[in-house]
Amino acid sequence: MATVRFFAQAREAAGTGTATISGASVGEVLDSAVAQYGSQFEAVLGMSKVWLNGEEVSREHPVTDKDEVAVLPPVSGGI
């Protein structure tokens, strides 16, 4: 299980900022999150960066109980 942190629109779609989700790889964790949070979260995930412990990695990258997966949607800026 990995700790998953949701930011901005991902947090809104998931209804939470943090969750513990099982999976052996980043992709499995994300697939479990989509199954849990639904199509609105899936749409946000499709345009998001995904980081593992502060680094962008592939979906195949393995995860452990000590890892943190972050879902980072694009952010629009302003003053």
Foldseek 3Di string as FASTA:
>chain_A
DAKEAEDDQLCVQQVHGIDDADDFFQLRRVVRSCVNRHDSNVVQQVQWFKDKPPHGDDRGHTDDHHIYIYTGGDDDDDD
